[in-house]
């Protein structure tokens, strides 16, 4: 499995209990098990939700699904 797919799957899993739509960055962090400290890792690549959140902007919200959040983050991060 690629780094992209691994990280994407971890983001989706971390948001499995989230209520959508998510309207703001604060609500997104609140929906994660460890907030901004929630960490995804694939091989040597490791990123916290706080770091990944820097790739988002207010125009991205509201998010309608965990898949949408994950795809936005991995695309902007340039993960392959």
C-alpha atoms as a PDB file:
ATOM      1  CA  UNK A   1       0.000   0.000   0.000  1.00  0.00           C
ATOM      2  CA  UNK A   2       1.307   3.476  -0.870  1.00  0.00           C
ATOM      3  CA  UNK A   3       2.057   6.195   1.673  1.00  0.00           C
ATOM      4  CA  UNK A   4      -0.860   8.157   0.199  1.00  0.00           C
ATOM      5  CA  UNK A   5      -3.353   5.321   0.694  1.00  0.00           C
ATOM      6  CA  UNK A   6      -2.033   4.476   4.166  1.00  0.00           C
ATOM      7  CA  UNK A   7      -2.288   8.065   5.417  1.00  0.00           C
ATOM      8  CA  UNK A   8      -5.662   8.544   3.743  1.00  0.00           C
ATOM      9  CA  UNK A   9      -6.976   5.396   5.432  1.00  0.00           C
ATOM     10  CA  UNK A  10      -5.667   6.521   8.811  1.00  0.00           C
ATOM     11  CA  UNK A  11      -7.360   9.916   8.473  1.00  0.00           C
ATOM     12  CA  UNK A  12     -10.655   8.276   7.506  1.00  0.00           C
ATOM     13  CA  UNK A  13     -10.332   5.887  10.450  1.00  0.00           C
ATOM     14  CA  UNK A  14      -9.555   8.708  12.887  1.00  0.00           C
ATOM     15  CA  UNK A  15     -12.720  10.487  11.753  1.00  0.00           C
ATOM     16  CA  UNK A  16     -14.950   7.403  11.884  1.00  0.00           C
ATOM     17  CA  UNK A  17     -16.966   8.722  14.833  1.00  0.00           C
ATOM     18  CA  UNK A  18     -17.129  12.319  13.564  1.00  0.00           C
ATOM     19  CA  UNK A  19     -20.437  14.012  12.834  1.00  0.00           C
ATOM     20  CA  UNK A  20     -20.545  15.641   9.401  1.00  0.00           C
ATOM     21  CA  UNK A  21     -20.668  18.249   8.034  1.00  0.00           C
ATOM     22  CA  UNK A  22     -17.656  19.689   9.839  1.00  0.00           C
ATOM     23  CA  UNK A  23     -17.819  23.466   9.614  1.00  0.00           C
ATOM     24  CA  UNK A  24     -14.414  24.696  10.876  1.00  0.00           C
ATOM     25  CA  UNK A  25     -10.822  23.736  11.654  1.00  0.00           C
ATOM     26  CA  UNK A  26     -11.634  23.745  15.374  1.00  0.00           C
ATOM     27  CA  UNK A  27     -14.519  21.336  14.847  1.00  0.00           C
ATOM     28  CA  UNK A  28     -12.269  19.111  12.738  1.00  0.00           C
ATOM     29  CA  UNK A  29      -9.613  18.897  15.459  1.00  0.00           C
ATOM     30  CA  UNK A  30     -12.313  18.295  18.085  1.00  0.00           C
ATOM     31  CA  UNK A  31     -13.577  15.327  16.042  1.00  0.00           C
ATOM     32  CA  UNK A  32     -10.188  13.590  16.148  1.00  0.00           C
ATOM     33  CA  UNK A  33      -9.325  11.155  18.969  1.00  0.00           C
ATOM     34  CA  UNK A  34      -6.318  13.174  20.186  1.00  0.00           C
ATOM     35  CA  UNK A  35      -7.215  16.508  18.611  1.00  0.00           C
ATOM     36  CA  UNK A  36      -4.366  18.261  16.796  1.00  0.00           C
ATOM     37  CA  UNK A  37      -1.930  15.697  18.256  1.00  0.00           C
ATOM     38  CA  UNK A  38      -3.600  12.808  16.389  1.00  0.00           C
ATOM     39  CA  UNK A  39      -0.772  11.253  14.365  1.00  0.00           C
ATOM     40  CA  UNK A  40      -0.710   9.353  11.079  1.00  0.00           C
ATOM     41  CA  UNK A  41       2.346   7.382  10.003  1.00  0.00           C
ATOM     42  CA  UNK A  42       3.426   5.389   6.972  1.00  0.00           C
ATOM     43  CA  UNK A  43       7.004   4.131   6.972  1.00  0.00           C
ATOM     44  CA  UNK A  44       9.266   7.066   7.763  1.00  0.00           C
ATOM     45  CA  UNK A  45       6.541   9.626   6.999  1.00  0.00           C
ATOM     46  CA  UNK A  46       4.807  10.900  10.135  1.00  0.00           C
ATOM     47  CA  UNK A  47       2.441  13.848  10.467  1.00  0.00           C
ATOM     48  CA  UNK A  48       0.173  15.231  13.182  1.00  0.00           C
ATOM     49  CA  UNK A  49      -3.305  16.535  12.488  1.00  0.00           C
ATOM     50  CA  UNK A  50      -2.061  19.991  13.497  1.00  0.00           C
ATOM     51  CA  UNK A  51       0.620  19.868  10.813  1.00  0.00           C
ATOM     52  CA  UNK A  52      -1.777  18.489   8.214  1.00  0.00           C
ATOM     53  CA  UNK A  53      -4.348  21.130   9.164  1.00  0.00           C
ATOM     54  CA  UNK A  54      -1.980  23.810   7.872  1.00  0.00           C
ATOM     55  CA  UNK A  55      -2.754  22.518   4.376  1.00  0.00           C
ATOM     56  CA  UNK A  56      -6.416  23.478   4.784  1.00  0.00           C
ATOM     57  CA  UNK A  57      -8.034  26.881   4.429  1.00  0.00           C
ATOM     58  CA  UNK A  58     -11.419  28.258   5.467  1.00  0.00           C
ATOM     59  CA  UNK A  59     -12.736  27.861   1.923  1.00  0.00           C
ATOM     60  CA  UNK A  60     -12.416  24.072   2.282  1.00  0.00           C
ATOM     61  CA  UNK A  61     -15.163  23.995   4.897  1.00  0.00           C
ATOM     62  CA  UNK A  62     -17.668  22.555   5.405  1.00  0.00           C
ATOM     63  CA  UNK A  63     -16.388  19.035   4.860  1.00  0.00           C
ATOM     64  CA  UNK A  64     -19.153  16.543   4.135  1.00  0.00           C
ATOM     65  CA  UNK A  65     -17.233  13.302   4.815  1.00  0.00           C
ATOM     66  CA  UNK A  66     -14.049  11.801   6.217  1.00  0.00           C
ATOM     67  CA  UNK A  67     -13.141  10.771   2.657  1.00  0.00           C
ATOM     68  CA  UNK A  68     -13.306  14.431   1.561  1.00  0.00           C
ATOM     69  CA  UNK A  69     -11.058  15.541   4.446  1.00  0.00           C
ATOM     70  CA  UNK A  70      -8.547  12.783   3.749  1.00  0.00           C
ATOM     71  CA  UNK A  71      -8.433  13.348  -0.013  1.00  0.00           C
ATOM     72  CA  UNK A  72      -7.933  17.102   0.435  1.00  0.00           C
ATOM     73  CA  UNK A  73      -5.049  16.595   2.849  1.00  0.00           C
ATOM     74  CA  UNK A  74      -3.171  13.889   0.902  1.00  0.00           C
ATOM     75  CA  UNK A  75      -3.603  15.798  -2.369  1.00  0.00           C
ATOM     76  CA  UNK A  76      -2.263  19.059  -0.953  1.00  0.00           C
ATOM     77  CA  UNK A  77       0.582  17.229   0.770  1.00  0.00           C
ATOM     78  CA  UNK A  78       1.600  15.801  -2.589  1.00  0.00           C
ATOM     79  CA  UNK A  79       1.626  12.239  -1.264  1.00  0.00           C
ATOM     80  CA  UNK A  80       1.966   9.467  -3.798  1.00  0.00           C
END
